[in-house]
Full PDB file with SEQRES, HELIX, SHEET, SSBOND, CRYST1, ORIGX, SCALE, CONECT and MASTER records, all heavy atoms in Angstrom:
SEQRES   1 A   35  GLU ALA ASN GLY ASP ASN LEU SER ASP SER TYR ILE ALA          
SEQRES   2 A   35  LEU VAL GLY ALA PHE PRO ILE THR ASP SER VAL ASN LEU          
SEQRES   3 A   35  ASN VAL SER VAL GLY ASP THR ILE SER                          
SHEET    1 AA1 2 SER A  10  PRO A  19  0                                        
SHEET    2 AA1 2 ASN A  25  ILE A  34 -1                                        
CRYST1    1.000    1.000    1.000  90.00  90.00  90.00 P 1           1          
ORIGX1      1.000000  0.000000  0.000000        0.00000                         
ORIGX2      0.000000  1.000000  0.000000        0.00000                         
ORIGX3      0.000000  0.000000  1.000000        0.00000                         
SCALE1      1.000000  0.000000  0.000000        0.00000                         
SCALE2      0.000000  1.000000  0.000000        0.00000                         
SCALE3      0.000000  0.000000  1.000000        0.00000                         
ATOM      1  N   GLU A   1      92.869  94.617 146.772  1.00  0.00           N  
ATOM      2  CA  GLU A   1      93.715  93.664 147.543  1.00  0.00           C  
ATOM      3  C   GLU A   1      92.873  92.494 148.026  1.00  0.00           C  
ATOM      4  O   GLU A   1      91.713  92.456 147.895  1.00  0.00           O  
ATOM      5  CB  GLU A   1      94.350  94.388 148.747  1.00  0.00           C  
ATOM      6  CG  GLU A   1      95.253  95.579 148.359  1.00  0.00           C  
ATOM      7  CD  GLU A   1      95.833  96.232 149.570  1.00  0.00           C  
ATOM      8  OE1 GLU A   1      95.621  95.839 150.643  1.00  0.00           O  
ATOM      9  OE2 GLU A   1      96.525  97.191 149.339  1.00  0.00           O  
ATOM     10  N   ALA A   2      93.617  91.519 148.405  1.00  0.00           N  
ATOM     11  CA  ALA A   2      93.003  90.222 148.908  1.00  0.00           C  
ATOM     12  C   ALA A   2      92.039  90.527 150.078  1.00  0.00           C  
ATOM     13  O   ALA A   2      90.902  89.836 150.198  1.00  0.00           O  
ATOM     14  CB  ALA A   2      94.005  89.210 149.368  1.00  0.00           C  
ATOM     15  N   ASN A   3      92.241  91.524 150.868  1.00  0.00           N  
ATOM     16  CA  ASN A   3      91.428  91.834 151.970  1.00  0.00           C  
ATOM     17  C   ASN A   3      90.245  92.832 151.652  1.00  0.00           C  
ATOM     18  O   ASN A   3      89.569  93.268 152.545  1.00  0.00           O  
ATOM     19  CB  ASN A   3      92.215  92.468 153.273  1.00  0.00           C  
ATOM     20  CG  ASN A   3      92.989  93.816 152.782  1.00  0.00           C  
ATOM     21  OD1 ASN A   3      92.719  94.336 151.709  1.00  0.00           O  
ATOM     22  ND2 ASN A   3      93.833  94.262 153.606  1.00  0.00           N  
ATOM     23  N   GLY A   4      90.216  93.246 150.396  1.00  0.00           N  
ATOM     24  CA  GLY A   4      89.059  94.024 149.958  1.00  0.00           C  
ATOM     25  C   GLY A   4      89.483  95.474 149.886  1.00  0.00           C  
ATOM     26  O   GLY A   4      88.622  96.283 149.371  1.00  0.00           O  
ATOM     27  N   ASP A   5      90.625  95.935 150.406  1.00  0.00           N  
ATOM     28  CA  ASP A   5      91.079  97.270 150.290  1.00  0.00           C  
ATOM     29  C   ASP A   5      91.472  97.725 148.827  1.00  0.00           C  
ATOM     30  O   ASP A   5      91.699  96.823 148.075  1.00  0.00           O  
ATOM     31  CB  ASP A   5      92.239  97.595 151.209  1.00  0.00           C  
ATOM     32  CG  ASP A   5      91.970  97.487 152.665  1.00  0.00           C  
ATOM     33  OD1 ASP A   5      90.622  97.566 152.928  1.00  0.00           O  
ATOM     34  OD2 ASP A   5      92.836  97.341 153.370  1.00  0.00           O  
ATOM     35  N   ASN A   6      91.308  99.009 148.487  1.00  0.00           N  
ATOM     36  CA  ASN A   6      91.716  99.451 147.208  1.00  0.00           C  
ATOM     37  C   ASN A   6      93.173  99.023 146.917  1.00  0.00           C  
ATOM     38  O   ASN A   6      94.090  99.287 147.822  1.00  0.00           O  
ATOM     39  CB  ASN A   6      91.627 100.947 147.100  1.00  0.00           C  
ATOM     40  CG  ASN A   6      90.232 101.336 147.113  1.00  0.00           C  
ATOM     41  OD1 ASN A   6      89.230 100.586 146.874  1.00  0.00           O  
ATOM     42  ND2 ASN A   6      89.832 102.634 147.324  1.00  0.00           N  
ATOM     43  N   LEU A   7      93.404  98.637 145.695  1.00  0.00           N  
ATOM     44  CA  LEU A   7      94.773  98.327 145.272  1.00  0.00           C  
ATOM     45  C   LEU A   7      95.500  99.684 144.755  1.00  0.00           C  
ATOM     46  O   LEU A   7      95.075 100.350 143.930  1.00  0.00           O  
ATOM     47  CB  LEU A   7      94.752  97.409 144.068  1.00  0.00           C  
ATOM     48  CG  LEU A   7      96.088  96.991 143.501  1.00  0.00           C  
ATOM     49  CD1 LEU A   7      96.743  95.921 144.456  1.00  0.00           C  
ATOM     50  CD2 LEU A   7      95.980  96.407 142.092  1.00  0.00           C  
ATOM     51  N   SER A   8      96.513 100.056 145.458  1.00  0.00           N  
ATOM     52  CA  SER A   8      97.318 101.263 145.130  1.00  0.00           C  
ATOM     53  C   SER A   8      98.503 100.754 144.186  1.00  0.00           C  
ATOM     54  O   SER A   8      98.814  99.536 144.259  1.00  0.00           O  
ATOM     55  CB  SER A   8      97.763 101.999 146.298  1.00  0.00           C  
ATOM     56  OG  SER A   8      98.657 101.210 147.148  1.00  0.00           O  
ATOM     57  N   ASP A   9      99.115 101.697 143.549  1.00  0.00           N  
ATOM     58  CA  ASP A   9     100.020 101.321 142.585  1.00  0.00           C  
ATOM     59  C   ASP A   9     101.081 102.440 142.394  1.00  0.00           C  
ATOM     60  O   ASP A   9     100.670 103.663 142.252  1.00  0.00           O  
ATOM     61  CB  ASP A   9      99.452 100.916 141.323  1.00  0.00           C  
ATOM     62  CG  ASP A   9     100.476 100.448 140.237  1.00  0.00           C  
ATOM     63  OD1 ASP A   9     100.696  99.189 140.310  1.00  0.00           O  
ATOM     64  OD2 ASP A   9     101.019 101.187 139.404  1.00  0.00           O  
ATOM     65  N   SER A  10     102.333 102.063 142.227  1.00  0.00           N  
ATOM     66  CA  SER A  10     103.442 103.059 141.871  1.00  0.00           C  
ATOM     67  C   SER A  10     104.142 102.542 140.578  1.00  0.00           C  
ATOM     68  O   SER A  10     104.148 101.289 140.378  1.00  0.00           O  
ATOM     69  CB  SER A  10     104.541 103.092 143.037  1.00  0.00           C  
ATOM     70  OG  SER A  10     103.992 103.598 144.132  1.00  0.00           O  
ATOM     71  N   TYR A  11     104.519 103.402 139.691  1.00  0.00           N  
ATOM     72  CA  TYR A  11     105.196 103.031 138.508  1.00  0.00           C  
ATOM     73  C   TYR A  11     106.427 103.911 138.400  1.00  0.00           C  
ATOM     74  O   TYR A  11     106.345 105.172 138.477  1.00  0.00           O  
ATOM     75  CB  TYR A  11     104.225 103.271 137.292  1.00  0.00           C  
ATOM     76  CG  TYR A  11     104.905 102.856 135.970  1.00  0.00           C  
ATOM     77  CD1 TYR A  11     105.214 101.518 135.653  1.00  0.00           C  
ATOM     78  CD2 TYR A  11     105.330 103.714 135.111  1.00  0.00           C  
ATOM     79  CE1 TYR A  11     105.843 101.154 134.562  1.00  0.00           C  
ATOM     80  CE2 TYR A  11     105.913 103.481 133.861  1.00  0.00           C  
ATOM     81  CZ  TYR A  11     106.163 102.142 133.576  1.00  0.00           C  
ATOM     82  OH  TYR A  11     106.697 101.777 132.464  1.00  0.00           O  
ATOM     83  N   ILE A  12     107.573 103.212 138.322  1.00  0.00           N  
ATOM     84  CA  ILE A  12     108.929 104.027 138.143  1.00  0.00           C  
ATOM     85  C   ILE A  12     109.446 103.598 136.786  1.00  0.00           C  
ATOM     86  O   ILE A  12     109.485 102.498 136.476  1.00  0.00           O  
ATOM     87  CB  ILE A  12     109.846 103.692 139.312  1.00  0.00           C  
ATOM     88  CG1 ILE A  12     109.198 103.957 140.675  1.00  0.00           C  
ATOM     89  CG2 ILE A  12     111.168 104.361 139.070  1.00  0.00           C  
ATOM     90  CD1 ILE A  12     110.008 103.444 141.816  1.00  0.00           C  
ATOM     91  N   ALA A  13     109.884 104.621 135.999  1.00  0.00           N  
ATOM     92  CA  ALA A  13     110.454 104.351 134.713  1.00  0.00           C  
ATOM     93  C   ALA A  13     111.649 105.115 134.464  1.00  0.00           C  
ATOM     94  O   ALA A  13     111.730 106.338 134.776  1.00  0.00           O  
ATOM     95  CB  ALA A  13     109.393 104.571 133.645  1.00  0.00           C  
ATOM     96  N   LEU A  14     112.537 104.619 133.715  1.00  0.00           N  
ATOM     97  CA  LEU A  14     113.790 105.388 133.243  1.00  0.00           C  
ATOM     98  C   LEU A  14     113.595 105.326 131.733  1.00  0.00           C  
ATOM     99  O   LEU A  14     113.572 104.317 131.093  1.00  0.00           O  
ATOM    100  CB  LEU A  14     115.053 104.715 133.627  1.00  0.00           C  
ATOM    101  CG  LEU A  14     116.355 105.344 133.204  1.00  0.00           C  
ATOM    102  CD1 LEU A  14     116.411 106.801 133.783  1.00  0.00           C  
ATOM    103  CD2 LEU A  14     117.597 104.520 133.614  1.00  0.00           C  
ATOM    104  N   VAL A  15     113.593 106.548 131.122  1.00  0.00           N  
ATOM    105  CA  VAL A  15     113.319 106.705 129.732  1.00  0.00           C  
ATOM    106  C   VAL A  15     114.459 107.410 129.086  1.00  0.00           C  
ATOM    107  O   VAL A  15     114.940 108.448 129.683  1.00  0.00           O  
ATOM    108  CB  VAL A  15     112.068 107.489 129.495  1.00  0.00           C  
ATOM    109  CG1 VAL A  15     111.761 107.643 127.922  1.00  0.00           C  
ATOM    110  CG2 VAL A  15     110.812 106.773 130.224  1.00  0.00           C  
ATOM    111  N   GLY A  16     114.930 106.974 127.888  1.00  0.00           N  
ATOM    112  CA  GLY A  16     115.991 107.623 127.195  1.00  0.00           C  
ATOM    113  C   GLY A  16     115.678 107.914 125.737  1.00  0.00           C  
ATOM    114  O   GLY A  16     115.059 106.994 125.013  1.00  0.00           O  
ATOM    115  N   ALA A  17     116.122 108.935 125.204  1.00  0.00           N  
ATOM    116  CA  ALA A  17     115.905 109.275 123.740  1.00  0.00           C  
ATOM    117  C   ALA A  17     117.223 109.828 123.272  1.00  0.00           C  
ATOM    118  O   ALA A  17     117.723 110.898 123.586  1.00  0.00           O  
ATOM    119  CB  ALA A  17     114.783 110.311 123.466  1.00  0.00           C  
ATOM    120  N   PHE A  18     117.954 108.911 122.501  1.00  0.00           N  
ATOM    121  CA  PHE A  18     119.396 109.264 122.087  1.00  0.00           C  
ATOM    122  C   PHE A  18     119.403 109.543 120.610  1.00  0.00           C  
ATOM    123  O   PHE A  18     119.026 108.627 119.804  1.00  0.00           O  
ATOM    124  CB  PHE A  18     120.269 108.063 122.477  1.00  0.00           C  
ATOM    125  CG  PHE A  18     120.173 107.755 123.892  1.00  0.00           C  
ATOM    126  CD1 PHE A  18     119.358 106.671 124.442  1.00  0.00           C  
ATOM    127  CD2 PHE A  18     121.035 108.331 124.781  1.00  0.00           C  
ATOM    128  CE1 PHE A  18     119.299 106.360 125.741  1.00  0.00           C  
ATOM    129  CE2 PHE A  18     120.891 108.009 126.139  1.00  0.00           C  
ATOM    130  CZ  PHE A  18     120.030 106.981 126.644  1.00  0.00           C  
ATOM    131  N   PRO A  19     119.886 110.690 120.143  1.00  0.00           N  
ATOM    132  CA  PRO A  19     120.010 110.974 118.748  1.00  0.00           C  
ATOM    133  C   PRO A  19     120.992 110.079 117.969  1.00  0.00           C  
ATOM    134  O   PRO A  19     122.132 109.964 118.583  1.00  0.00           O  
ATOM    135  CB  PRO A  19     120.389 112.501 118.755  1.00  0.00           C  
ATOM    136  CG  PRO A  19     120.047 112.986 120.127  1.00  0.00           C  
ATOM    137  CD  PRO A  19     120.236 111.840 121.012  1.00  0.00           C  
ATOM    138  N   ILE A  20     120.528 109.535 116.922  1.00  0.00           N  
ATOM    139  CA  ILE A  20     121.411 108.775 116.026  1.00  0.00           C  
ATOM    140  C   ILE A  20     121.948 109.600 114.950  1.00  0.00           C  
ATOM    141  O   ILE A  20     123.101 109.747 114.621  1.00  0.00           O  
ATOM    142  CB  ILE A  20     120.759 107.495 115.486  1.00  0.00           C  
ATOM    143  CG1 ILE A  20     120.377 106.608 116.743  1.00  0.00           C  
ATOM    144  CG2 ILE A  20     121.701 106.804 114.544  1.00  0.00           C  
ATOM    145  CD1 ILE A  20     119.609 105.437 116.274  1.00  0.00           C  
ATOM    146  N   THR A  21     120.986 110.377 114.329  1.00  0.00           N  
ATOM    147  CA  THR A  21     121.261 111.357 113.368  1.00  0.00           C  
ATOM    148  C   THR A  21     120.336 112.549 113.637  1.00  0.00           C  
ATOM    149  O   THR A  21     119.641 112.582 114.702  1.00  0.00           O  
ATOM    150  CB  THR A  21     120.933 110.865 111.876  1.00  0.00           C  
ATOM    151  OG1 THR A  21     119.427 110.756 111.805  1.00  0.00           O  
ATOM    152  CG2 THR A  21     121.518 109.474 111.655  1.00  0.00           C  
ATOM    153  N   ASP A  22     120.381 113.587 112.804  1.00  0.00           N  
ATOM    154  CA  ASP A  22     119.586 114.758 112.997  1.00  0.00           C  
ATOM    155  C   ASP A  22     118.068 114.355 113.077  1.00  0.00           C  
ATOM    156  O   ASP A  22     117.299 115.206 113.613  1.00  0.00           O  
ATOM    157  CB  ASP A  22     119.835 115.840 111.938  1.00  0.00           C  
ATOM    158  CG  ASP A  22     121.166 116.514 112.099  1.00  0.00           C  
ATOM    159  OD1 ASP A  22     121.719 116.373 113.221  1.00  0.00           O  
ATOM    160  OD2 ASP A  22     121.641 117.063 111.108  1.00  0.00           O  
ATOM    161  N   SER A  23     117.635 113.332 112.417  1.00  0.00           N  
ATOM    162  CA  SER A  23     116.174 113.014 112.320  1.00  0.00           C  
ATOM    163  C   SER A  23     115.836 111.615 112.904  1.00  0.00           C  
ATOM    164  O   SER A  23     114.625 111.268 112.866  1.00  0.00           O  
ATOM    165  CB  SER A  23     115.822 113.053 110.865  1.00  0.00           C  
ATOM    166  OG  SER A  23     116.443 112.063 110.114  1.00  0.00           O  
ATOM    167  N   VAL A  24     116.864 110.903 113.375  1.00  0.00           N  
ATOM    168  CA  VAL A  24     116.536 109.519 113.866  1.00  0.00           C  
ATOM    169  C   VAL A  24     116.923 109.487 115.391  1.00  0.00           C  
ATOM    170  O   VAL A  24     118.047 109.874 115.717  1.00  0.00           O  
ATOM    171  CB  VAL A  24     117.156 108.463 113.116  1.00  0.00           C  
ATOM    172  CG1 VAL A  24     116.972 107.076 113.709  1.00  0.00           C  
ATOM    173  CG2 VAL A  24     116.751 108.532 111.673  1.00  0.00           C  
ATOM    174  N   ASN A  25     115.978 108.994 116.299  1.00  0.00           N  
ATOM    175  CA  ASN A  25     116.349 108.731 117.668  1.00  0.00           C  
ATOM    176  C   ASN A  25     116.266 107.296 118.013  1.00  0.00           C  
ATOM    177  O   ASN A  25     115.372 106.549 117.543  1.00  0.00           O  
ATOM    178  CB  ASN A  25     115.397 109.547 118.551  1.00  0.00           C  
ATOM    179  CG  ASN A  25     115.754 110.971 118.750  1.00  0.00           C  
ATOM    180  OD1 ASN A  25     116.816 111.475 118.187  1.00  0.00           O  
ATOM    181  ND2 ASN A  25     114.964 111.696 119.425  1.00  0.00           N  
ATOM    182  N   LEU A  26     117.102 106.891 118.959  1.00  0.00           N  
ATOM    183  CA  LEU A  26     117.013 105.520 119.651  1.00  0.00           C  
ATOM    184  C   LEU A  26     116.323 105.856 120.850  1.00  0.00           C  
ATOM    185  O   LEU A  26     116.671 106.655 121.728  1.00  0.00           O  
ATOM    186  CB  LEU A  26     118.445 104.961 119.853  1.00  0.00           C  
ATOM    187  CG  LEU A  26     118.500 103.734 120.730  1.00  0.00           C  
ATOM    188  CD1 LEU A  26     117.795 102.552 119.895  1.00  0.00           C  
ATOM    189  CD2 LEU A  26     119.816 103.367 121.099  1.00  0.00           C  
ATOM    190  N   ASN A  27     115.104 105.156 121.116  1.00  0.00           N  
ATOM    191  CA  ASN A  27     114.282 105.293 122.337  1.00  0.00           C  
ATOM    192  C   ASN A  27     114.272 104.074 123.221  1.00  0.00           C  
ATOM    193  O   ASN A  27     113.984 102.936 122.685  1.00  0.00           O  
ATOM    194  CB  ASN A  27     112.893 105.640 121.900  1.00  0.00           C  
ATOM    195  CG  ASN A  27     112.815 106.862 120.942  1.00  0.00           C  
ATOM    196  OD1 ASN A  27     113.165 107.933 121.313  1.00  0.00           O  
ATOM    197  ND2 ASN A  27     112.276 106.630 119.672  1.00  0.00           N  
ATOM    198  N   VAL A  28     114.602 104.170 124.315  1.00  0.00           N  
ATOM    199  CA  VAL A  28     114.752 103.174 125.258  1.00  0.00           C  
ATOM    200  C   VAL A  28     113.981 103.372 126.583  1.00  0.00           C  
ATOM    201  O   VAL A  28     114.055 104.560 127.084  1.00  0.00           O  
ATOM    202  CB  VAL A  28     116.220 102.772 125.656  1.00  0.00           C  
ATOM    203  CG1 VAL A  28     116.350 101.601 126.554  1.00  0.00           C  
ATOM    204  CG2 VAL A  28     117.069 102.606 124.403  1.00  0.00           C  
ATOM    205  N   SER A  29     113.311 102.482 127.208  1.00  0.00           N  
ATOM    206  CA  SER A  29     112.646 102.591 128.490  1.00  0.00           C  
ATOM    207  C   SER A  29     112.549 101.244 129.174  1.00  0.00           C  
ATOM    208  O   SER A  29     112.371 100.214 128.587  1.00  0.00           O  
ATOM    209  CB  SER A  29     111.238 103.257 128.309  1.00  0.00           C  
ATOM    210  OG  SER A  29     110.360 102.328 127.695  1.00  0.00           O  
ATOM    211  N   VAL A  30     112.638 101.456 130.544  1.00  0.00           N  
ATOM    212  CA  VAL A  30     112.451 100.295 131.445  1.00  0.00           C  
ATOM    213  C   VAL A  30     111.637 100.800 132.504  1.00  0.00           C  
ATOM    214  O   VAL A  30     111.869 101.780 133.150  1.00  0.00           O  
ATOM    215  CB  VAL A  30     113.671  99.511 131.799  1.00  0.00           C  
ATOM    216  CG1 VAL A  30     114.566 100.556 132.529  1.00  0.00           C  
ATOM    217  CG2 VAL A  30     113.396  98.364 132.587  1.00  0.00           C  
ATOM    218  N   GLY A  31     110.518 100.093 132.896  1.00  0.00           N  
ATOM    219  CA  GLY A  31     109.624 100.450 133.984  1.00  0.00           C  
ATOM    220  C   GLY A  31     109.316  99.336 134.997  1.00  0.00           C  
ATOM    221  O   GLY A  31     109.274  98.162 134.621  1.00  0.00           O  
ATOM    222  N   ASP A  32     108.993  99.716 136.283  1.00  0.00           N  
ATOM    223  CA  ASP A  32     108.649  98.785 137.293  1.00  0.00           C  
ATOM    224  C   ASP A  32     107.316  99.157 137.796  1.00  0.00           C  
ATOM    225  O   ASP A  32     107.072 100.236 138.408  1.00  0.00           O  
ATOM    226  CB  ASP A  32     109.708  98.747 138.278  1.00  0.00           C  
ATOM    227  CG  ASP A  32     109.554  97.571 139.346  1.00  0.00           C  
ATOM    228  OD1 ASP A  32     108.674  96.739 139.044  1.00  0.00           O  
ATOM    229  OD2 ASP A  32     110.250  97.582 140.274  1.00  0.00           O  
ATOM    230  N   THR A  33     106.277  98.309 137.671  1.00  0.00           N  
ATOM    231  CA  THR A  33     104.959  98.489 138.269  1.00  0.00           C  
ATOM    232  C   THR A  33     104.897  97.845 139.590  1.00  0.00           C  
ATOM    233  O   THR A  33     105.224  96.563 139.677  1.00  0.00           O  
ATOM    234  CB  THR A  33     103.855  97.912 137.359  1.00  0.00           C  
ATOM    235  OG1 THR A  33     103.852  98.617 136.112  1.00  0.00           O  
ATOM    236  CG2 THR A  33     102.509  98.002 138.009  1.00  0.00           C  
ATOM    237  N   ILE A  34     104.706  98.527 140.641  1.00  0.00           N  
ATOM    238  CA  ILE A  34     104.740  98.066 142.036  1.00  0.00           C  
ATOM    239  C   ILE A  34     103.427  98.263 142.695  1.00  0.00           C  
ATOM    240  O   ILE A  34     103.103  99.411 142.975  1.00  0.00           O  
ATOM    241  CB  ILE A  34     105.816  98.766 142.841  1.00  0.00           C  
ATOM    242  CG1 ILE A  34     107.201  98.680 142.063  1.00  0.00           C  
ATOM    243  CG2 ILE A  34     106.032  98.073 144.269  1.00  0.00           C  
ATOM    244  CD1 ILE A  34     108.331  99.512 142.772  1.00  0.00           C  
ATOM    245  N   SER A  35     102.668  97.205 142.922  1.00  0.00           N  
ATOM    246  CA  SER A  35     101.362  97.393 143.540  1.00  0.00           C  
ATOM    247  C   SER A  35     101.325  97.065 145.070  1.00  0.00           C  
ATOM    248  O   SER A  35     102.370  96.466 145.626  1.00  0.00           O  
ATOM    249  CB  SER A  35     100.351  96.455 142.801  1.00  0.00           C  
ATOM    250  OG  SER A  35     100.252  96.922 141.429  1.00  0.00           O  
TER     251      SER A  35                                                      
MASTER        0    0    0    0    2    0    0    6  250    1    0    3          
END                                                                             
């Protein structure tokens, strides 16, 4: 951090894997990095 302390971090993500066929998936994710 600007004051010299260690930078901590959180990461939150929503992930989805949706079958299109028996062998094909649609994969979607969105994440937020919060320091």
